[in-house]
Each structure stands twice: as C-alpha cells, then as structure tokens.
Amino acid sequence: MAEQENQGDIATADPSAEPAEQPAPAPDTRPWARWLAKMTDLALTSFVFFVLVSGASFVFFFVLSSLNPARAEQYLLQLASIPFMIASVILFFILFLLGEATLISATGSTPGKALLGIGVMDRAGGRLSFPKSLLRSARAWAQGLGLGIPLVSIIAMIFGYMALSDRGDTAWDRDVNADYRTHEVGPVRWTIGILVWLTSVAIDIANRVLTQNGF
C-alpha cells in the first residue's frame, strides 16, 4: 500500500515545476587585496611626490644660494617647519586624488589595483567619468582612510572592512554607481605589493628619524 502511495505521489508531481531557487553566492570582496592595492598606490605616489618635491627644492635652493646665500640658509630651515610639512601633506593629498581619478577614468585601474587584480568601472561596463572618479577617490580617502590621520585612519579602516564584509560594496563605490571588479592573483604579485608597501614604510620612518635629528 505504501508503495502504491509513493507511485501516486510521483505520478501527480508537476513535471513543469521549477526547482527552488538557490541563493546567489556572496561576492568575493577581497578586502585585503583592496587594502594592499591602496597602500601600493599610496607608496608609488609618495615616491613620485618625493622626487618632484626634492628636485624642485634642490633647484630652488641652488638658484637662491647663488643670488642670496643667507636667504638660502633660511630656506633650508623652513623645509623642516610645521607649515611646510602641512603644505606637503596637502599637496600630496591633491596629487594622489588627481592621479588616482585620472587613471581610473582613463584605464579603469591604477598600478596597485592592476597588480592585485582589481578594476573599477561603471555598472554599464564603461569607464567612470573623471568627476565621478574624483568624487569616489575623495570619499574613499575621507571615509575609508580617515583622511590619513593615524588613529582615525585605523578606526575608519575597521568600519570600512565591516561594511564591505556585510554589504559586499562600499559607500564610495555605491554612490557613484561604480562596479568594483576583482579576481585572484598569484603569490608573486602579493609579494611585490607587500615589498613596495614595506619599502615606503621604511623610507617614511627613516625620513622622520633624520628630520628629528636635524638632518
């Protein structure tokens, strides 16, 4: 009797019924790849910024020393002053934002992002416009990195990591309708990114030590 009931159930089953829809897998956001890509871009920008500022400072000092040696010595002292450091941070911030926005709007990536297998497009598959790329970069700097302020930056990155893990995207990508595309890369690329970042950290520490000791 039980066998007949089972056969009846099979016979009355709707063959056109679709299987239950499975939930889509959560996107692989690769937060550590995003972080290292950003650190790599910051490191590369700092190298470029250092070369530009050092070159300009050397040329200016050379010209000034030939015209007014006393004024040239005062200029050297001003290089270690707080106003000069603040101006340097602002100039670096502007250079980074403009550089990142230009590269993303033109190529859909940056050196750090390309190294870690990351691209940024709009959701239609095209390039982000420069204004949107610039807005995205500014918001990522403010919300994701806490404007680079040491303690604030750590807190901002923690909250950004939690939001990315929870939603699968970030506010600065979502608000400009950006499609953050990413794929896995091999250990060689990870190693290159880590080495670039560590080199930048070492140079920054050495520069701070030399500045504090009057060099």
N, C-alpha and C. Protein backbone atom coordinates (compact mmCIF):
# COMPACT_ATOMS: atom_id res chain seq x y z
N MET A 1 0.83 -1.21 0.00
CA MET A 1 0.00 0.00 0.00
C MET A 1 0.87 1.27 0.00
N ALA A 2 1.93 1.27 0.83
CA ALA A 2 2.82 2.42 0.91
C ALA A 2 3.48 2.67 -0.43
N GLU A 3 3.84 1.52 -1.12
CA GLU A 3 4.49 1.65 -2.42
C GLU A 3 3.55 2.29 -3.43
N GLN A 4 2.25 1.92 -3.37
CA GLN A 4 1.28 2.50 -4.29
C GLN A 4 1.11 4.00 -4.03
N GLU A 5 1.13 4.41 -2.74
CA GLU A 5 1.01 5.83 -2.42
C GLU A 5 2.19 6.62 -2.97
N ASN A 6 3.42 6.04 -2.84
CA ASN A 6 4.60 6.71 -3.36
C ASN A 6 4.51 6.88 -4.86
N GLN A 7 4.03 5.82 -5.56
CA GLN A 7 3.90 5.89 -7.00
C GLN A 7 2.88 6.95 -7.39
N GLY A 8 1.79 7.06 -6.57
CA GLY A 8 0.79 8.07 -6.85
C GLY A 8 1.33 9.47 -6.69
N ASP A 9 2.20 9.65 -5.66
CA ASP A 9 2.80 10.97 -5.46
C ASP A 9 3.68 11.35 -6.63
N ILE A 10 4.43 10.35 -7.14
CA ILE A 10 5.31 10.61 -8.27
C ILE A 10 4.50 10.95 -9.50
N ALA A 11 3.39 10.25 -9.68
CA ALA A 11 2.58 10.45 -10.87
C ALA A 11 1.91 11.81 -10.86
N THR A 12 1.54 12.28 -9.67
CA THR A 12 0.82 13.56 -9.59
C THR A 12 1.76 14.75 -9.47
N ALA A 13 3.08 14.52 -9.38
CA ALA A 13 4.02 15.62 -9.29
C ALA A 13 4.02 16.42 -10.58
N ASP A 14 4.10 17.73 -10.47
CA ASP A 14 4.07 18.61 -11.64
C ASP A 14 5.43 18.61 -12.30
N PRO A 15 5.55 18.04 -13.50
CA PRO A 15 6.87 17.98 -14.14
C PRO A 15 7.38 19.35 -14.55
N SER A 16 6.50 20.32 -14.66
CA SER A 16 6.93 21.66 -15.09
C SER A 16 7.38 22.54 -13.93
N ALA A 17 7.24 22.00 -12.71
CA ALA A 17 7.62 22.81 -11.54
C ALA A 17 9.12 23.06 -11.55
N GLU A 18 9.53 24.32 -11.33
CA GLU A 18 10.94 24.68 -11.32
C GLU A 18 11.54 24.38 -9.96
N PRO A 19 12.82 23.98 -9.93
CA PRO A 19 13.46 23.73 -8.63
C PRO A 19 13.57 25.01 -7.83
N ALA A 20 13.63 24.83 -6.52
CA ALA A 20 13.73 26.00 -5.64
C ALA A 20 14.97 26.81 -5.99
N GLU A 21 14.82 28.11 -6.03
CA GLU A 21 15.92 28.99 -6.41
C GLU A 21 16.95 29.05 -5.29
N GLN A 22 18.20 28.77 -5.65
CA GLN A 22 19.27 28.79 -4.66
C GLN A 22 19.78 30.22 -4.48
N PRO A 23 20.12 30.60 -3.26
CA PRO A 23 20.64 31.96 -3.05
C PRO A 23 21.97 32.13 -3.76
N ALA A 24 22.18 33.32 -4.32
CA ALA A 24 23.43 33.59 -5.03
C ALA A 24 24.58 33.61 -4.04
N PRO A 25 25.75 33.10 -4.45
CA PRO A 25 26.89 33.12 -3.54
C PRO A 25 27.33 34.54 -3.25
N ALA A 26 27.81 34.74 -2.05
CA ALA A 26 28.27 36.07 -1.66
C ALA A 26 29.48 36.46 -2.51
N PRO A 27 29.54 37.72 -2.97
CA PRO A 27 30.67 38.13 -3.80
C PRO A 27 31.97 38.10 -3.01
N ASP A 28 33.05 37.76 -3.71
CA ASP A 28 34.37 37.75 -3.08
C ASP A 28 34.91 39.17 -3.10
N THR A 29 34.79 39.87 -2.00
CA THR A 29 35.17 41.28 -1.96
C THR A 29 36.68 41.48 -1.83
N ARG A 30 37.41 40.47 -1.38
CA ARG A 30 38.87 40.52 -1.25
C ARG A 30 39.32 41.81 -0.54
N PRO A 31 38.89 42.02 0.69
CA PRO A 31 39.23 43.27 1.39
C PRO A 31 40.72 43.49 1.56
N TRP A 32 41.48 42.42 1.78
CA TRP A 32 42.92 42.60 1.96
C TRP A 32 43.61 42.99 0.67
N ALA A 33 43.09 42.49 -0.45
CA ALA A 33 43.63 42.90 -1.75
C ALA A 33 43.34 44.37 -2.00
N ARG A 34 42.13 44.80 -1.64
CA ARG A 34 41.77 46.21 -1.78
C ARG A 34 42.71 47.08 -0.94
N TRP A 35 42.94 46.65 0.30
CA TRP A 35 43.79 47.43 1.20
C TRP A 35 45.22 47.52 0.67
N LEU A 36 45.78 46.39 0.25
CA LEU A 36 47.16 46.39 -0.23
C LEU A 36 47.28 47.18 -1.53
N ALA A 37 46.26 47.11 -2.38
CA ALA A 37 46.28 47.89 -3.61
C ALA A 37 46.33 49.39 -3.30
N LYS A 38 45.54 49.81 -2.32
CA LYS A 38 45.54 51.22 -1.92
C LYS A 38 46.89 51.62 -1.32
N MET A 39 47.46 50.77 -0.47
CA MET A 39 48.75 51.06 0.13
C MET A 39 49.85 51.12 -0.93
N THR A 40 49.76 50.24 -1.93
CA THR A 40 50.74 50.25 -3.02
C THR A 40 50.64 51.54 -3.82
N ASP A 41 49.41 51.96 -4.12
CA ASP A 41 49.23 53.22 -4.84
C ASP A 41 49.74 54.40 -4.03
N LEU A 42 49.48 54.40 -2.73
CA LEU A 42 49.98 55.47 -1.88
C LEU A 42 51.51 55.48 -1.85
N ALA A 43 52.10 54.29 -1.80
CA ALA A 43 53.56 54.19 -1.79
C ALA A 43 54.16 54.72 -3.09
N LEU A 44 53.59 54.31 -4.21
CA LEU A 44 54.09 54.77 -5.51
C LEU A 44 53.92 56.28 -5.66
N THR A 45 52.79 56.80 -5.18
CA THR A 45 52.57 58.24 -5.23
C THR A 45 53.57 58.98 -4.36
N SER A 46 53.89 58.41 -3.21
CA SER A 46 54.86 59.05 -2.32
C SER A 46 56.24 59.08 -2.96
N PHE A 47 56.61 58.03 -3.72
CA PHE A 47 57.89 58.04 -4.42
C PHE A 47 57.92 59.17 -5.45
N VAL A 48 56.85 59.27 -6.24
CA VAL A 48 56.77 60.32 -7.25
C VAL A 48 56.79 61.69 -6.60
N PHE A 49 56.04 61.84 -5.52
CA PHE A 49 55.97 63.11 -4.81
C PHE A 49 57.33 63.49 -4.25
N PHE A 50 58.03 62.52 -3.69
CA PHE A 50 59.36 62.78 -3.11
C PHE A 50 60.32 63.26 -4.19
N VAL A 51 60.31 62.61 -5.34
CA VAL A 51 61.20 63.00 -6.43
C VAL A 51 60.88 64.42 -6.91
N LEU A 52 59.59 64.71 -7.08
CA LEU A 52 59.19 66.04 -7.56
C LEU A 52 59.55 67.13 -6.56
N VAL A 53 59.21 66.92 -5.29
CA VAL A 53 59.47 67.94 -4.27
C VAL A 53 60.97 68.10 -4.04
N SER A 54 61.69 66.99 -3.97
CA SER A 54 63.14 67.07 -3.76
C SER A 54 63.83 67.77 -4.92
N GLY A 55 63.41 67.42 -6.14
CA GLY A 55 64.00 68.06 -7.31
C GLY A 55 63.72 69.55 -7.35
N ALA A 56 62.47 69.92 -7.08
CA ALA A 56 62.11 71.34 -7.09
C ALA A 56 62.83 72.09 -5.98
N SER A 57 62.93 71.48 -4.81
CA SER A 57 63.61 72.12 -3.68
C SER A 57 65.09 72.31 -3.96
N PHE A 58 65.71 71.32 -4.59
CA PHE A 58 67.14 71.42 -4.91
C PHE A 58 67.39 72.53 -5.91
N VAL A 59 66.57 72.58 -6.95
CA VAL A 59 66.75 73.63 -7.97
C VAL A 59 66.54 75.01 -7.35
N PHE A 60 65.48 75.13 -6.54
CA PHE A 60 65.20 76.42 -5.91
C PHE A 60 66.34 76.84 -4.97
N PHE A 61 66.86 75.88 -4.20
CA PHE A 61 67.97 76.19 -3.28
C PHE A 61 69.22 76.58 -4.07
N PHE A 62 69.49 75.89 -5.16
CA PHE A 62 70.68 76.19 -5.96
C PHE A 62 70.61 77.61 -6.52
N VAL A 63 69.46 77.96 -7.07
CA VAL A 63 69.29 79.30 -7.63
C VAL A 63 69.35 80.35 -6.53
N LEU A 64 68.67 80.08 -5.41
CA LEU A 64 68.63 81.05 -4.32
C LEU A 64 69.99 81.24 -3.68
N SER A 65 70.77 80.17 -3.55
CA SER A 65 72.09 80.28 -2.93
C SER A 65 73.05 81.11 -3.78
N SER A 66 72.85 81.09 -5.08
CA SER A 66 73.70 81.89 -5.95
C SER A 66 73.31 83.37 -5.92
N LEU A 67 72.08 83.65 -5.55
CA LEU A 67 71.60 85.03 -5.50
C LEU A 67 71.68 85.62 -4.10
N ASN A 68 71.32 84.81 -3.10
CA ASN A 68 71.28 85.30 -1.72
C ASN A 68 71.59 84.14 -0.78
N PRO A 69 72.87 83.90 -0.47
CA PRO A 69 73.25 82.75 0.38
C PRO A 69 72.56 82.75 1.75
N ALA A 70 72.40 83.92 2.36
CA ALA A 70 71.76 83.98 3.68
C ALA A 70 70.30 83.53 3.59
N ARG A 71 69.64 83.95 2.56
CA ARG A 71 68.24 83.56 2.37
C ARG A 71 68.13 82.07 2.07
N ALA A 72 69.14 81.51 1.41
CA ALA A 72 69.14 80.08 1.11
C ALA A 72 69.22 79.25 2.39
N GLU A 73 70.01 79.72 3.36
CA GLU A 73 70.10 79.00 4.63
C GLU A 73 68.77 79.04 5.38
N GLN A 74 68.09 80.17 5.33
CA GLN A 74 66.77 80.26 5.96
C GLN A 74 65.77 79.31 5.28
N TYR A 75 65.93 79.18 3.97
CA TYR A 75 65.04 78.29 3.22
C TYR A 75 65.21 76.85 3.69
N LEU A 76 66.45 76.43 3.95
CA LEU A 76 66.69 75.07 4.43
C LEU A 76 66.01 74.83 5.77
N LEU A 77 66.04 75.84 6.64
CA LEU A 77 65.37 75.71 7.94
C LEU A 77 63.86 75.61 7.78
N GLN A 78 63.32 76.31 6.82
CA GLN A 78 61.88 76.30 6.59
C GLN A 78 61.39 74.94 6.10
N LEU A 79 62.27 74.17 5.47
CA LEU A 79 61.87 72.85 4.97
C LEU A 79 61.46 71.91 6.09
N ALA A 80 61.99 72.14 7.29
CA ALA A 80 61.65 71.29 8.43
C ALA A 80 60.57 71.91 9.32
N SER A 81 59.99 73.01 8.88
CA SER A 81 58.98 73.70 9.69
C SER A 81 57.62 73.03 9.56
N ILE A 82 56.77 73.27 10.54
CA ILE A 82 55.42 72.69 10.53
C ILE A 82 54.59 73.19 9.34
N PRO A 83 54.61 74.50 9.02
CA PRO A 83 53.84 74.95 7.85
C PRO A 83 54.24 74.24 6.56
N PHE A 84 55.55 74.01 6.39
CA PHE A 84 55.99 73.31 5.18
C PHE A 84 55.49 71.88 5.17
N MET A 85 55.50 71.22 6.32
CA MET A 85 55.01 69.85 6.40
C MET A 85 53.52 69.77 6.09
N ILE A 86 52.76 70.74 6.63
CA ILE A 86 51.32 70.76 6.36
C ILE A 86 51.06 70.98 4.88
N ALA A 87 51.81 71.91 4.29
CA ALA A 87 51.66 72.17 2.85
C ALA A 87 52.02 70.93 2.04
N SER A 88 53.04 70.19 2.49
CA SER A 88 53.44 68.98 1.78
C SER A 88 52.34 67.92 1.83
N VAL A 89 51.70 67.78 2.99
CA VAL A 89 50.61 66.81 3.12
C VAL A 89 49.45 67.17 2.21
N ILE A 90 49.11 68.46 2.15
CA ILE A 90 48.01 68.90 1.29
C ILE A 90 48.34 68.66 -0.18
N LEU A 91 49.57 68.99 -0.58
CA LEU A 91 49.98 68.77 -1.96
C LEU A 91 49.98 67.28 -2.31
N PHE A 92 50.44 66.46 -1.37
CA PHE A 92 50.43 65.01 -1.61
C PHE A 92 49.00 64.51 -1.77
N PHE A 93 48.10 64.99 -0.92
CA PHE A 93 46.69 64.60 -0.99
C PHE A 93 46.10 64.97 -2.35
N ILE A 94 46.38 66.17 -2.82
CA ILE A 94 45.87 66.61 -4.12
C ILE A 94 46.45 65.76 -5.25
N LEU A 95 47.77 65.52 -5.19
CA LEU A 95 48.42 64.71 -6.23
C LEU A 95 47.84 63.31 -6.28
N PHE A 96 47.63 62.71 -5.12
CA PHE A 96 47.10 61.35 -5.09
C PHE A 96 45.69 61.28 -5.66
N LEU A 97 44.83 62.19 -5.22
CA LEU A 97 43.44 62.18 -5.70
C LEU A 97 43.37 62.40 -7.20
N LEU A 98 44.10 63.39 -7.70
CA LEU A 98 44.07 63.67 -9.13
C LEU A 98 44.65 62.52 -9.94
N GLY A 99 45.74 61.94 -9.43
CA GLY A 99 46.36 60.82 -10.14
C GLY A 99 45.47 59.60 -10.18
N GLU A 100 44.88 59.23 -9.03
CA GLU A 100 44.00 58.06 -8.99
C GLU A 100 42.77 58.27 -9.86
N ALA A 101 42.14 59.44 -9.76
CA ALA A 101 40.94 59.71 -10.54
C ALA A 101 41.23 59.70 -12.03
N THR A 102 42.38 60.25 -12.42
CA THR A 102 42.75 60.27 -13.84
C THR A 102 42.96 58.86 -14.37
N LEU A 103 43.68 58.04 -13.62
CA LEU A 103 43.96 56.67 -14.07
C LEU A 103 42.69 55.82 -14.14
N ILE A 104 41.82 55.94 -13.14
CA ILE A 104 40.59 55.14 -13.13
C ILE A 104 39.67 55.55 -14.27
N SER A 105 39.54 56.86 -14.51
CA SER A 105 38.66 57.31 -15.59
C SER A 105 39.24 56.97 -16.96
N ALA A 106 40.57 56.87 -17.06
CA ALA A 106 41.19 56.60 -18.36
C ALA A 106 41.39 55.11 -18.62
N THR A 107 41.73 54.35 -17.57
CA THR A 107 42.08 52.94 -17.78
C THR A 107 41.22 51.97 -16.99
N GLY A 108 40.48 52.46 -16.00
CA GLY A 108 39.68 51.57 -15.16
C GLY A 108 40.47 50.92 -14.04
N SER A 109 41.70 51.37 -13.81
CA SER A 109 42.50 50.77 -12.74
C SER A 109 43.63 51.72 -12.38
N THR A 110 44.46 51.30 -11.43
CA THR A 110 45.67 52.01 -11.03
C THR A 110 46.78 50.98 -10.95
N PRO A 111 48.05 51.39 -10.81
CA PRO A 111 49.11 50.38 -10.71
C PRO A 111 48.89 49.39 -9.58
N GLY A 112 48.51 49.87 -8.40
CA GLY A 112 48.27 48.96 -7.28
C GLY A 112 47.09 48.04 -7.52
N LYS A 113 46.01 48.58 -8.05
CA LYS A 113 44.83 47.76 -8.33
C LYS A 113 45.11 46.74 -9.42
N ALA A 114 45.79 47.16 -10.48
CA ALA A 114 46.12 46.22 -11.56
C ALA A 114 47.01 45.09 -11.04
N LEU A 115 47.94 45.44 -10.17
CA LEU A 115 48.84 44.43 -9.59
C LEU A 115 48.06 43.38 -8.82
N LEU A 116 47.03 43.80 -8.10
CA LEU A 116 46.25 42.89 -7.25
C LEU A 116 44.98 42.38 -7.94
N GLY A 117 44.85 42.60 -9.25
CA GLY A 117 43.71 42.06 -9.99
C GLY A 117 42.42 42.79 -9.75
N ILE A 118 42.46 44.11 -9.69
CA ILE A 118 41.28 44.92 -9.37
C ILE A 118 41.05 45.96 -10.45
N GLY A 119 39.80 46.17 -10.80
CA GLY A 119 39.41 47.22 -11.73
C GLY A 119 38.17 47.93 -11.25
N VAL A 120 37.99 49.16 -11.67
CA VAL A 120 36.81 49.95 -11.29
C VAL A 120 36.16 50.49 -12.56
N MET A 121 34.92 50.08 -12.81
CA MET A 121 34.16 50.52 -13.97
C MET A 121 32.81 51.05 -13.48
N ASP A 122 32.00 51.58 -14.42
CA ASP A 122 30.63 51.86 -14.03
C ASP A 122 29.79 50.61 -14.26
N ARG A 123 28.57 50.60 -13.77
CA ARG A 123 27.77 49.38 -13.81
C ARG A 123 27.28 49.04 -15.21
N ALA A 124 27.43 49.97 -16.14
CA ALA A 124 27.09 49.69 -17.53
C ALA A 124 28.25 49.07 -18.29
N GLY A 125 29.40 48.95 -17.64
CA GLY A 125 30.57 48.34 -18.26
C GLY A 125 31.54 49.32 -18.87
N GLY A 126 31.24 50.63 -18.79
CA GLY A 126 32.15 51.63 -19.33
C GLY A 126 33.05 52.21 -18.25
N ARG A 127 33.81 53.22 -18.64
CA ARG A 127 34.69 53.90 -17.69
C ARG A 127 33.90 54.89 -16.84
N LEU A 128 34.34 55.06 -15.63
CA LEU A 128 33.79 56.13 -14.80
C LEU A 128 34.26 57.47 -15.35
N SER A 129 33.41 58.47 -15.30
CA SER A 129 33.83 59.81 -15.71
C SER A 129 34.84 60.35 -14.71
N PHE A 130 35.60 61.36 -15.13
CA PHE A 130 36.59 61.93 -14.23
C PHE A 130 35.95 62.53 -12.98
N PRO A 131 34.85 63.31 -13.11
CA PRO A 131 34.22 63.84 -11.88
C PRO A 131 33.79 62.74 -10.91
N LYS A 132 33.21 61.66 -11.43
CA LYS A 132 32.80 60.56 -10.55
C LYS A 132 34.02 59.87 -9.94
N SER A 133 35.06 59.69 -10.73
CA SER A 133 36.28 59.07 -10.21
C SER A 133 36.91 59.93 -9.12
N LEU A 134 36.89 61.24 -9.33
CA LEU A 134 37.46 62.15 -8.34
C LEU A 134 36.63 62.13 -7.05
N LEU A 135 35.30 62.13 -7.20
CA LEU A 135 34.44 62.07 -6.02
C LEU A 135 34.64 60.75 -5.28
N ARG A 136 34.75 59.67 -6.02
CA ARG A 136 34.98 58.36 -5.41
C ARG A 136 36.30 58.35 -4.64
N SER A 137 37.36 58.87 -5.25
CA SER A 137 38.67 58.88 -4.60
C SER A 137 38.66 59.73 -3.34
N ALA A 138 37.99 60.88 -3.40
CA ALA A 138 37.93 61.77 -2.23
C ALA A 138 37.16 61.11 -1.09
N ARG A 139 36.05 60.46 -1.41
CA ARG A 139 35.26 59.80 -0.36
C ARG A 139 36.00 58.59 0.20
N ALA A 140 36.71 57.86 -0.66
CA ALA A 140 37.49 56.72 -0.17
C ALA A 140 38.59 57.20 0.78
N TRP A 141 39.20 58.34 0.46
CA TRP A 141 40.23 58.89 1.33
C TRP A 141 39.64 59.35 2.66
N ALA A 142 38.48 60.00 2.60
CA ALA A 142 37.87 60.53 3.82
C ALA A 142 37.23 59.44 4.66
N GLN A 143 36.38 58.61 4.03
CA GLN A 143 35.64 57.59 4.78
C GLN A 143 36.44 56.31 4.99
N GLY A 144 37.21 55.92 3.99
CA GLY A 144 37.93 54.66 4.09
C GLY A 144 39.27 54.76 4.79
N LEU A 145 39.92 55.93 4.69
CA LEU A 145 41.24 56.10 5.28
C LEU A 145 41.27 57.18 6.36
N GLY A 146 40.12 57.74 6.69
CA GLY A 146 40.07 58.73 7.76
C GLY A 146 40.99 59.91 7.54
N LEU A 147 41.11 60.34 6.26
CA LEU A 147 41.95 61.48 5.87
C LEU A 147 43.43 61.26 6.18
N GLY A 148 43.80 60.00 6.44
CA GLY A 148 45.20 59.71 6.73
C GLY A 148 45.63 60.06 8.14
N ILE A 149 44.70 60.48 8.98
CA ILE A 149 45.03 60.79 10.38
C ILE A 149 45.25 59.47 11.12
N PRO A 150 46.42 59.28 11.76
CA PRO A 150 46.81 57.96 12.27
C PRO A 150 45.73 57.16 12.97
N LEU A 151 45.23 57.59 14.12
CA LEU A 151 44.26 56.80 14.87
C LEU A 151 42.91 56.75 14.15
N VAL A 152 42.50 57.88 13.61
CA VAL A 152 41.23 57.94 12.87
C VAL A 152 41.27 57.00 11.68
N SER A 153 42.42 56.91 11.04
CA SER A 153 42.56 56.05 9.87
C SER A 153 42.33 54.58 10.22
N ILE A 154 42.87 54.15 11.34
CA ILE A 154 42.68 52.75 11.76
C ILE A 154 41.21 52.46 12.03
N ILE A 155 40.55 53.38 12.73
CA ILE A 155 39.12 53.19 13.03
C ILE A 155 38.31 53.17 11.74
N ALA A 156 38.62 54.08 10.82
CA ALA A 156 37.89 54.14 9.55
C ALA A 156 38.07 52.86 8.75
N MET A 157 39.28 52.31 8.75
CA MET A 157 39.52 51.07 8.00
C MET A 157 38.78 49.89 8.62
N ILE A 158 38.70 49.86 9.94
CA ILE A 158 37.96 48.78 10.61
C ILE A 158 36.48 48.84 10.25
N PHE A 159 35.90 50.04 10.32
CA PHE A 159 34.49 50.19 9.96
C PHE A 159 34.27 49.90 8.47
N GLY A 160 35.23 50.31 7.64
CA GLY A 160 35.11 50.03 6.22
C GLY A 160 35.16 48.55 5.93
N TYR A 161 36.02 47.84 6.64
CA TYR A 161 36.11 46.38 6.47
C TYR A 161 34.80 45.71 6.88
N MET A 162 34.23 46.15 7.98
CA MET A 162 32.97 45.56 8.45
C MET A 162 31.84 45.82 7.46
N ALA A 163 31.78 47.05 6.94
CA ALA A 163 30.72 47.39 5.97
C ALA A 163 30.89 46.61 4.68
N LEU A 164 32.14 46.47 4.23
CA LEU A 164 32.40 45.73 2.99
C LEU A 164 32.04 44.26 3.16
N SER A 165 32.38 43.68 4.30
CA SER A 165 32.05 42.28 4.54
C SER A 165 30.55 42.07 4.65
N ASP A 166 29.84 43.06 5.18
CA ASP A 166 28.40 42.93 5.38
C ASP A 166 27.60 43.16 4.10
N ARG A 167 27.96 44.21 3.34
CA ARG A 167 27.17 44.60 2.17
C ARG A 167 27.76 44.11 0.85
N GLY A 168 29.06 43.87 0.83
CA GLY A 168 29.69 43.45 -0.42
C GLY A 168 30.18 44.60 -1.27
N ASP A 169 29.96 45.84 -0.83
CA ASP A 169 30.48 47.00 -1.54
C ASP A 169 30.70 48.13 -0.54
N THR A 170 31.19 49.26 -1.02
CA THR A 170 31.47 50.40 -0.15
C THR A 170 30.58 51.57 -0.55
N ALA A 171 30.44 52.52 0.35
CA ALA A 171 29.57 53.67 0.09
C ALA A 171 30.11 54.51 -1.07
N TRP A 172 31.45 54.65 -1.15
CA TRP A 172 32.01 55.49 -2.21
C TRP A 172 31.89 54.83 -3.59
N ASP A 173 31.84 53.51 -3.65
CA ASP A 173 31.57 52.84 -4.92
C ASP A 173 30.09 52.92 -5.27
N ARG A 174 29.26 52.69 -4.27
CA ARG A 174 27.81 52.65 -4.49
C ARG A 174 27.27 54.01 -4.91
N ASP A 175 27.76 55.08 -4.32
CA ASP A 175 27.19 56.40 -4.57
C ASP A 175 27.52 56.94 -5.96
N VAL A 176 28.59 56.43 -6.59
CA VAL A 176 28.90 56.86 -7.96
C VAL A 176 28.57 55.77 -8.97
N ASN A 177 27.85 54.74 -8.51
CA ASN A 177 27.42 53.65 -9.38
C ASN A 177 28.62 52.91 -9.98
N ALA A 178 29.64 52.70 -9.16
CA ALA A 178 30.85 52.03 -9.64
C ALA A 178 30.75 50.52 -9.45
N ASP A 179 31.32 49.80 -10.39
CA ASP A 179 31.38 48.34 -10.33
C ASP A 179 32.82 47.95 -10.03
N TYR A 180 33.06 47.50 -8.81
CA TYR A 180 34.41 47.14 -8.36
C TYR A 180 34.67 45.69 -8.73
N ARG A 181 35.49 45.46 -9.75
CA ARG A 181 35.73 44.11 -10.26
C ARG A 181 37.07 43.58 -9.73
N THR A 182 37.08 42.34 -9.33
CA THR A 182 38.28 41.78 -8.74
C THR A 182 38.41 40.30 -9.02
N HIS A 183 39.64 39.83 -9.12
CA HIS A 183 39.89 38.40 -9.30
C HIS A 183 41.19 38.05 -8.58
N GLU A 184 41.35 36.78 -8.29
CA GLU A 184 42.52 36.32 -7.55
C GLU A 184 43.79 36.48 -8.38
N VAL A 185 44.91 36.73 -7.71
CA VAL A 185 46.22 36.79 -8.35
C VAL A 185 47.18 35.88 -7.58
N GLY A 186 48.31 35.59 -8.20
CA GLY A 186 49.27 34.67 -7.61
C GLY A 186 50.11 35.31 -6.51
N PRO A 187 50.90 34.49 -5.81
CA PRO A 187 51.71 34.98 -4.69
C PRO A 187 52.79 35.98 -5.10
N VAL A 188 53.26 35.90 -6.34
CA VAL A 188 54.30 36.83 -6.78
C VAL A 188 53.79 38.27 -6.73
N ARG A 189 52.57 38.48 -7.20
CA ARG A 189 52.00 39.83 -7.18
C ARG A 189 51.77 40.32 -5.75
N TRP A 190 51.31 39.42 -4.90
CA TRP A 190 51.14 39.79 -3.49
C TRP A 190 52.48 40.20 -2.89
N THR A 191 53.52 39.45 -3.20
CA THR A 191 54.85 39.74 -2.66
C THR A 191 55.35 41.09 -3.14
N ILE A 192 55.15 41.39 -4.42
CA ILE A 192 55.58 42.69 -4.95
C ILE A 192 54.85 43.83 -4.23
N GLY A 193 53.54 43.69 -4.07
CA GLY A 193 52.77 44.72 -3.39
C GLY A 193 53.23 44.93 -1.95
N ILE A 194 53.47 43.83 -1.24
CA ILE A 194 53.92 43.92 0.15
C ILE A 194 55.29 44.59 0.23
N LEU A 195 56.20 44.23 -0.68
CA LEU A 195 57.54 44.81 -0.68
C LEU A 195 57.50 46.31 -0.98
N VAL A 196 56.67 46.70 -1.93
CA VAL A 196 56.53 48.13 -2.23
C VAL A 196 56.02 48.89 -1.01
N TRP A 197 55.02 48.33 -0.35
CA TRP A 197 54.46 48.98 0.84
C TRP A 197 55.48 49.05 1.97
N LEU A 198 56.18 47.94 2.25
CA LEU A 198 57.17 47.93 3.32
C LEU A 198 58.32 48.89 3.03
N THR A 199 58.72 49.00 1.77
CA THR A 199 59.77 49.94 1.40
C THR A 199 59.34 51.37 1.69
N SER A 200 58.09 51.67 1.36
CA SER A 200 57.56 53.01 1.63
C SER A 200 57.54 53.29 3.13
N VAL A 201 57.12 52.31 3.93
CA VAL A 201 57.08 52.48 5.38
C VAL A 201 58.49 52.72 5.92
N ALA A 202 59.46 51.94 5.44
CA ALA A 202 60.84 52.08 5.90
C ALA A 202 61.40 53.46 5.56
N ILE A 203 61.12 53.94 4.35
CA ILE A 203 61.60 55.26 3.95
C ILE A 203 60.97 56.35 4.80
N ASP A 204 59.69 56.20 5.09
CA ASP A 204 58.99 57.20 5.91
C ASP A 204 59.56 57.24 7.32
N ILE A 205 59.84 56.07 7.89
CA ILE A 205 60.43 56.02 9.24
C ILE A 205 61.82 56.65 9.24
N ALA A 206 62.63 56.31 8.23
CA ALA A 206 63.98 56.87 8.14
C ALA A 206 63.94 58.38 7.99
N ASN A 207 63.00 58.87 7.19
CA ASN A 207 62.88 60.31 6.99
C ASN A 207 62.49 61.02 8.28
N ARG A 208 61.58 60.40 9.06
CA ARG A 208 61.17 61.01 10.32
C ARG A 208 62.34 61.06 11.31
N VAL A 209 63.12 59.98 11.36
CA VAL A 209 64.27 59.93 12.27
C VAL A 209 65.30 60.98 11.89
N LEU A 210 65.58 61.10 10.60
CA LEU A 210 66.56 62.08 10.14
C LEU A 210 66.09 63.50 10.41
N THR A 211 64.79 63.75 10.20
CA THR A 211 64.25 65.09 10.44
C THR A 211 64.32 65.45 11.92
N GLN A 212 64.00 64.51 12.80
CA GLN A 212 64.04 64.77 14.24
C GLN A 212 65.46 65.00 14.74
N ASN A 213 66.44 64.46 14.02
CA ASN A 213 67.84 64.62 14.44
C ASN A 213 68.54 65.75 13.69
N GLY A 214 67.75 66.54 12.97
CA GLY A 214 68.30 67.74 12.35
C GLY A 214 69.01 67.53 11.05
N PHE A 215 68.79 66.39 10.38
CA PHE A 215 69.43 66.16 9.09
C PHE A 215 68.53 66.62 7.96
